[in-house]
């Protein structure tokens, strides 16, 4: 049911079956107020085909990319934000007519929504480019410091990995920044972050460029985030086993088992994510895009309908946090 305090989440892929099914669950569970981008006649036909009860304009908002009264406002807003970044007036018109992620981002920027979800179709990089262009980073964050956090939930517990989807080969400074952003996100769920900067080197056992980069990132973090439990560079087994870590380096600043694994590059992070997900039969929530000025998340084409619901719940947490609301992880309806 809609409430006056319900957060409005806009979905770029409003015609997708997974989004339609997710929208019904989001409404039934009272998670958010959905806004779907899509052609009304297509959405209505598919709602009937899938046996869904929700109705456009009654249960959820709708933006028709082919004919919407907000079109001119969105074009003007895009020119205002991107006119000096190579987007001409004609290009802006075309983008708003043809790219649903652009529409969703403009709706979020204009205040017509509180959070956005996209990425069920198309390349992650294209969606990221549009989100960066229109939403941009929050104050104090550079465009190239955006990163992603992936959450794995299994019988073993919850573990977070960064950066799994954005920066191919981050610098030490970028790794430090993404670690801070990830730690902030984890704290938002009432969990104390314990970060391990991973490497093939274990507390100085190797001096390769990658190992030195992670060592430098750990030194930066000790300076800019002294209260964060964080150490490195270290092996993954040292991160997950305190007895082993104590044998290797008894003076580590990290206590207990790490719950935030920070990787030296995109390959290692993404490979580990997909391997762990398959081996542990874990629920993957994410990727959670970090550092944006407003809650904007880019899913992947393999996401399930429940994955869309889970990301909606996290987007609502972010939007509520911006309003100084206190929301715990258990209240976000994360499930399979």
Protein backbone atom coordinates (compact mmCIF):
# COMPACT_ATOMS: atom_id res chain seq x y z
CA UNK A 1 0.00 0.00 0.00
CA UNK A 2 1.16 3.52 -0.77
CA UNK A 3 1.89 5.86 2.09
CA UNK A 4 2.83 9.51 2.17
CA UNK A 5 6.33 8.51 3.31
CA UNK A 6 6.84 5.79 0.68
CA UNK A 7 9.99 6.26 -1.39
CA UNK A 8 9.47 6.47 -5.14
CA UNK A 9 11.72 4.08 -7.06
CA UNK A 10 11.85 4.42 -10.84
CA UNK A 11 12.67 1.43 -13.06
CA UNK A 12 14.21 2.06 -16.47
CA UNK A 13 13.24 -1.40 -17.74
CA UNK A 14 9.55 -1.14 -16.98
CA UNK A 15 8.43 -3.54 -19.72
CA UNK A 16 10.66 -6.37 -18.50
CA UNK A 17 8.83 -9.31 -16.89
CA UNK A 18 11.20 -9.28 -13.91
CA UNK A 19 10.46 -5.63 -13.21
CA UNK A 20 6.71 -6.14 -13.53
CA UNK A 21 6.78 -9.06 -11.11
CA UNK A 22 9.08 -7.13 -8.78
CA UNK A 23 6.76 -4.12 -8.84
CA UNK A 24 3.88 -6.24 -7.58
CA UNK A 25 6.01 -7.63 -4.74
CA UNK A 26 7.31 -4.16 -3.88
CA UNK A 27 3.73 -2.94 -3.58
CA UNK A 28 2.51 -5.99 -1.66
CA UNK A 29 5.37 -5.75 0.85
CA UNK A 30 5.07 -1.97 1.17
CA UNK A 31 8.70 -1.44 0.21
CA UNK A 32 8.30 1.50 -2.16
CA UNK A 33 6.11 3.29 -4.67
CA UNK A 34 7.16 2.02 -8.12
CA UNK A 35 7.40 4.17 -11.24
CA UNK A 36 7.87 2.22 -14.47
CA UNK A 37 9.25 3.52 -17.75
CA UNK A 38 7.58 1.79 -20.67
CA UNK A 39 4.90 1.88 -23.32
CA UNK A 40 1.49 1.66 -21.62
CA UNK A 41 -0.03 -0.80 -24.11
CA UNK A 42 2.97 -3.14 -23.83
CA UNK A 43 2.91 -3.07 -20.03
CA UNK A 44 -0.85 -3.70 -19.89
CA UNK A 45 -0.60 -6.69 -22.24
CA UNK A 46 2.28 -8.19 -20.27
CA UNK A 47 0.59 -7.67 -16.90
CA UNK A 48 -2.35 -9.72 -18.18
CA UNK A 49 -0.06 -12.34 -19.71
CA UNK A 50 1.79 -12.87 -16.42
CA UNK A 51 -1.37 -12.83 -14.32
CA UNK A 52 -0.35 -9.77 -12.32
CA UNK A 53 -2.98 -7.70 -10.53
CA UNK A 54 -1.32 -4.27 -10.44
CA UNK A 55 -2.63 -1.52 -12.70
CA UNK A 56 -0.67 1.36 -14.26
CA UNK A 57 -1.75 4.79 -13.08
CA UNK A 58 -3.54 3.22 -10.12
CA UNK A 59 -0.96 1.12 -8.28
CA UNK A 60 2.20 2.49 -9.86
CA UNK A 61 3.38 5.51 -11.79
CA UNK A 62 4.19 5.34 -15.48
CA UNK A 63 6.42 7.29 -17.85
CA UNK A 64 5.75 6.66 -21.52
CA UNK A 65 9.05 7.14 -23.40
CA UNK A 66 7.12 7.78 -26.62
CA UNK A 67 4.76 10.46 -25.31
CA UNK A 68 5.10 12.05 -21.89
CA UNK A 69 4.31 15.64 -20.83
CA UNK A 70 7.62 15.80 -18.97
CA UNK A 71 9.64 15.25 -22.16
CA UNK A 72 10.48 18.91 -22.72
CA UNK A 73 11.48 19.38 -19.07
CA UNK A 74 13.78 16.35 -19.24
CA UNK A 75 15.42 17.56 -22.45
CA UNK A 76 16.04 20.99 -20.93
CA UNK A 77 17.47 19.39 -17.78
CA UNK A 78 19.79 17.16 -19.81
CA UNK A 79 21.09 20.14 -21.78
CA UNK A 80 21.60 22.06 -18.54
CA UNK A 81 23.67 19.27 -17.01
CA UNK A 82 25.46 17.93 -20.07
CA UNK A 83 25.49 20.77 -22.59
CA UNK A 84 29.14 21.50 -21.78
CA UNK A 85 30.04 17.82 -21.95
CA UNK A 86 29.35 17.30 -25.64
CA UNK A 87 25.57 16.77 -25.56
CA UNK A 88 23.93 18.98 -28.18
CA UNK A 89 20.27 19.96 -28.15
CA UNK A 90 19.46 17.45 -30.89
CA UNK A 91 21.42 14.72 -29.12
CA UNK A 92 19.56 15.48 -25.88
CA UNK A 93 16.21 15.08 -27.64
CA UNK A 94 17.30 11.76 -29.11
CA UNK A 95 18.65 10.46 -25.79
CA UNK A 96 15.45 11.27 -23.92
CA UNK A 97 13.35 9.63 -26.65
CA UNK A 98 15.42 6.46 -26.96
CA UNK A 99 17.26 5.70 -23.70
CA UNK A 100 15.21 4.70 -20.68
CA UNK A 101 18.20 4.92 -18.35
CA UNK A 102 18.57 8.57 -19.34
CA UNK A 103 14.88 9.14 -18.59
CA UNK A 104 15.16 7.43 -15.19
CA UNK A 105 18.25 9.45 -14.28
CA UNK A 106 16.60 12.71 -15.31
CA UNK A 107 13.48 11.84 -13.30
CA UNK A 108 15.70 11.22 -10.29
CA UNK A 109 17.67 14.42 -10.85
CA UNK A 110 14.47 16.46 -11.26
CA UNK A 111 12.97 15.07 -8.04
CA UNK A 112 10.27 12.97 -9.71
CA UNK A 113 11.72 9.88 -7.97
CA UNK A 114 13.81 9.12 -4.89
CA UNK A 115 15.91 6.29 -6.36
CA UNK A 116 16.43 4.51 -9.68
CA UNK A 117 17.12 0.97 -10.83
CA UNK A 118 18.34 0.08 -14.33
CA UNK A 119 20.65 -2.34 -16.13
CA UNK A 120 18.45 -5.37 -16.80
CA UNK A 121 19.23 -4.95 -20.49
CA UNK A 122 22.37 -3.65 -22.19
CA UNK A 123 25.97 -3.09 -21.15
CA UNK A 124 26.87 -2.00 -17.64
CA UNK A 125 29.30 0.60 -18.98
CA UNK A 126 26.63 2.39 -21.01
CA UNK A 127 24.29 2.65 -18.03
CA UNK A 128 27.17 3.82 -15.83
CA UNK A 129 28.09 6.51 -18.35
CA UNK A 130 24.54 7.89 -18.33
CA UNK A 131 24.23 7.76 -14.55
CA UNK A 132 27.57 9.52 -14.16
CA UNK A 133 26.61 12.16 -16.73
CA UNK A 134 23.23 13.02 -15.21
CA UNK A 135 23.36 12.07 -11.52
CA UNK A 136 27.08 12.43 -11.01
CA UNK A 137 29.10 11.84 -7.86
CA UNK A 138 28.15 13.22 -4.50
CA UNK A 139 30.14 16.21 -3.20
CA UNK A 140 33.75 15.30 -2.49
CA UNK A 141 33.75 12.32 -4.85
CA UNK A 142 35.31 12.37 -8.33
CA UNK A 143 33.60 10.81 -11.36
CA UNK A 144 36.24 8.10 -11.56
CA UNK A 145 35.91 7.27 -7.86
CA UNK A 146 32.50 5.64 -8.26
CA UNK A 147 32.65 1.96 -7.39
CA UNK A 148 30.44 -1.02 -6.65
CA UNK A 149 29.86 -3.19 -3.62
CA UNK A 150 28.48 -6.72 -3.90
CA UNK A 151 26.89 -8.56 -0.99
CA UNK A 152 26.81 -12.35 -0.68
CA UNK A 153 24.44 -13.90 1.84
CA UNK A 154 24.89 -17.60 2.63
CA UNK A 155 24.63 -20.00 5.54
CA UNK A 156 28.14 -18.89 6.45
CA UNK A 157 26.97 -15.31 6.92
CA UNK A 158 27.27 -12.04 5.01
CA UNK A 159 30.36 -10.95 3.13
CA UNK A 160 30.94 -7.87 0.97
CA UNK A 161 33.27 -7.49 -2.02
CA UNK A 162 34.52 -4.33 -3.78
CA UNK A 163 34.98 -3.18 -6.56
CA UNK A 164 33.23 -5.86 -8.59
CA UNK A 165 31.97 -3.92 -11.63
CA UNK A 166 33.46 -0.46 -12.29
CA UNK A 167 37.20 0.28 -12.13
CA UNK A 168 39.44 -2.04 -14.14
CA UNK A 169 42.73 -1.24 -12.40
CA UNK A 170 42.24 1.26 -9.56
CA UNK A 171 45.09 3.25 -8.05
CA UNK A 172 45.98 3.04 -4.37
CA UNK A 173 44.07 6.28 -3.78
CA UNK A 174 41.00 4.93 -5.58
CA UNK A 175 41.15 1.70 -3.59
CA UNK A 176 41.26 3.69 -0.35
CA UNK A 177 38.29 5.79 -1.48
CA UNK A 178 36.19 2.78 -2.49
CA UNK A 179 36.97 1.08 0.82
CA UNK A 180 35.69 4.09 2.74
CA UNK A 181 32.53 4.24 0.61
CA UNK A 182 31.94 0.51 1.07
CA UNK A 183 32.46 0.77 4.83
CA UNK A 184 29.92 3.60 5.03
CA UNK A 185 27.38 1.49 3.13
CA UNK A 186 27.93 -1.50 5.41
CA UNK A 187 27.54 0.67 8.51
CA UNK A 188 24.21 1.84 7.12
CA UNK A 189 22.94 -1.70 7.64
CA UNK A 190 24.02 -1.81 11.26
CA UNK A 191 27.07 -3.98 10.54
CA UNK A 192 30.58 -3.07 11.67
CA UNK A 193 32.83 -3.16 8.59
CA UNK A 194 36.08 -5.11 8.85
CA UNK A 195 38.09 -4.55 5.69
CA UNK A 196 40.90 -6.67 4.29
CA UNK A 197 42.95 -5.42 1.34
CA UNK A 198 43.69 -8.57 -0.62
CA UNK A 199 46.79 -9.49 -2.58
CA UNK A 200 49.00 -12.40 -3.61
CA UNK A 201 51.35 -10.87 -1.02
CA UNK A 202 50.77 -11.59 2.67
CA UNK A 203 51.93 -8.69 4.88
CA UNK A 204 55.01 -7.83 2.83
CA UNK A 205 55.91 -11.27 1.49
CA UNK A 206 56.07 -9.91 -2.08
CA UNK A 207 56.97 -6.53 -3.58
CA UNK A 208 55.23 -6.65 -6.94
CA UNK A 209 53.49 -3.48 -8.23
CA UNK A 210 50.08 -4.90 -7.26
CA UNK A 211 51.24 -5.75 -3.74
CA UNK A 212 52.82 -2.33 -3.29
CA UNK A 213 49.60 -0.71 -4.48
CA UNK A 214 47.52 -2.51 -1.86
CA UNK A 215 50.13 -1.77 0.81
CA UNK A 216 49.99 1.91 -0.09
CA UNK A 217 46.18 1.85 0.00
CA UNK A 218 46.31 0.38 3.51
CA UNK A 219 48.64 3.19 4.59
CA UNK A 220 46.28 5.80 3.11
CA UNK A 221 43.33 4.25 4.93
CA UNK A 222 45.20 4.27 8.23
CA UNK A 223 45.56 8.02 7.75
CA UNK A 224 42.14 9.02 6.38
CA UNK A 225 39.98 6.47 8.23
CA UNK A 226 41.80 5.69 11.50
CA UNK A 227 38.66 4.32 13.16
CA UNK A 228 38.01 1.76 10.42
CA UNK A 229 39.11 -1.79 11.16
CA UNK A 230 41.26 -2.34 8.09
CA UNK A 231 44.57 -3.94 7.20
CA UNK A 232 46.56 -5.29 4.29
CA UNK A 233 47.97 -6.34 2.07
CA UNK A 234 47.05 -9.94 2.89
CA UNK A 235 45.95 -13.28 1.50
CA UNK A 236 42.25 -14.08 1.42
CA UNK A 237 42.66 -16.92 3.92
CA UNK A 238 44.44 -14.55 6.31
CA UNK A 239 41.50 -12.17 5.97
CA UNK A 240 38.98 -14.86 6.85
CA UNK A 241 40.92 -16.61 9.61
CA UNK A 242 42.12 -14.64 12.62
CA UNK A 243 44.28 -17.52 13.97
CA UNK A 244 46.11 -17.75 10.63
CA UNK A 245 46.48 -13.97 10.44
CA UNK A 246 47.91 -13.88 13.96
CA UNK A 247 50.54 -16.44 12.99
CA UNK A 248 51.52 -14.48 9.89
CA UNK A 249 51.39 -11.02 11.47
CA UNK A 250 50.33 -10.79 15.13
CA UNK A 251 50.13 -6.98 15.11
CA UNK A 252 47.36 -6.66 12.53
CA UNK A 253 44.86 -3.82 13.06
CA UNK A 254 42.09 -6.14 11.88
CA UNK A 255 40.36 -8.18 14.59
CA UNK A 256 38.14 -11.17 13.96
CA UNK A 257 37.02 -12.24 10.50
CA UNK A 258 36.98 -9.70 7.68
CA UNK A 259 33.55 -9.03 6.17
CA UNK A 260 34.71 -6.58 3.48
CA UNK A 261 37.12 -7.95 0.89
CA UNK A 262 38.86 -5.25 -1.15
CA UNK A 263 40.48 -6.40 -4.40
CA UNK A 264 43.40 -4.97 -6.39
CA UNK A 265 41.54 -4.97 -9.71
CA UNK A 266 38.25 -5.68 -11.44
CA UNK A 267 39.25 -9.12 -12.72
CA UNK A 268 40.07 -10.52 -9.29
CA UNK A 269 36.96 -9.00 -7.70
CA UNK A 270 34.48 -10.14 -10.34
CA UNK A 271 35.95 -13.62 -10.70
CA UNK A 272 35.88 -14.13 -6.94
CA UNK A 273 32.30 -12.86 -6.73
CA UNK A 274 30.97 -15.23 -9.38
CA UNK A 275 32.98 -18.20 -8.08
CA UNK A 276 31.87 -17.72 -4.46
CA UNK A 277 28.29 -17.17 -5.53
CA UNK A 278 28.22 -20.49 -7.36
CA UNK A 279 30.21 -22.50 -4.81
CA UNK A 280 28.33 -21.23 -1.75
CA UNK A 281 24.89 -21.15 -3.39
CA UNK A 282 24.80 -17.62 -2.03
CA UNK A 283 22.23 -14.90 -2.54
CA UNK A 284 23.87 -12.03 -4.41
CA UNK A 285 22.61 -8.53 -3.67
CA UNK A 286 24.10 -5.95 -5.97
CA UNK A 287 26.07 -4.51 -7.49
CA UNK A 288 25.43 -1.54 -5.19
CA UNK A 289 26.72 1.60 -6.90
CA UNK A 290 28.66 3.75 -4.43
CA UNK A 291 29.47 7.46 -4.50
CA UNK A 292 26.56 8.81 -6.55
CA UNK A 293 24.80 12.01 -5.55
CA UNK A 294 21.46 10.18 -5.41
CA UNK A 295 20.53 6.48 -5.10
CA UNK A 296 21.07 5.00 -8.57
CA UNK A 297 21.77 1.32 -9.14
CA UNK A 298 22.75 -0.67 -12.20
CA UNK A 299 21.81 -4.33 -12.12
CA UNK A 300 23.09 -7.00 -14.52
CA UNK A 301 21.10 -8.92 -17.17
CA UNK A 302 21.31 -12.12 -15.08
CA UNK A 303 19.36 -10.61 -12.18
CA UNK A 304 16.16 -12.33 -11.08
CA UNK A 305 12.86 -10.71 -10.19
CA UNK A 306 13.71 -11.19 -6.51
CA UNK A 307 17.04 -9.53 -7.15
CA UNK A 308 15.19 -6.49 -8.44
CA UNK A 309 13.11 -6.46 -5.25
CA UNK A 310 16.23 -6.71 -3.10
CA UNK A 311 17.93 -3.84 -4.90
CA UNK A 312 14.75 -1.81 -4.52
CA UNK A 313 14.90 -2.40 -0.78
CA UNK A 314 18.51 -1.23 -0.65
CA UNK A 315 17.71 1.84 -2.74
CA UNK A 316 14.94 2.68 -0.28
CA UNK A 317 17.43 2.35 2.59
CA UNK A 318 19.69 4.85 0.84
CA UNK A 319 16.87 7.27 0.16
CA UNK A 320 15.72 6.99 3.75
CA UNK A 321 19.27 7.58 4.96
CA UNK A 322 19.37 10.82 3.01
CA UNK A 323 16.29 11.81 5.01
CA UNK A 324 18.10 10.84 8.23
CA UNK A 325 15.94 7.77 8.73
CA UNK A 326 17.35 4.78 10.57
CA UNK A 327 16.76 1.54 8.71
CA UNK A 328 18.35 -1.79 9.58
CA UNK A 329 19.25 -4.59 7.21
CA UNK A 330 16.53 -6.81 8.63
CA UNK A 331 13.86 -4.34 7.60
CA UNK A 332 14.75 -4.36 3.92
CA UNK A 333 13.09 -7.69 3.02
CA UNK A 334 16.22 -9.18 1.43
CA UNK A 335 15.39 -12.74 0.42
CA UNK A 336 15.56 -15.28 -2.36
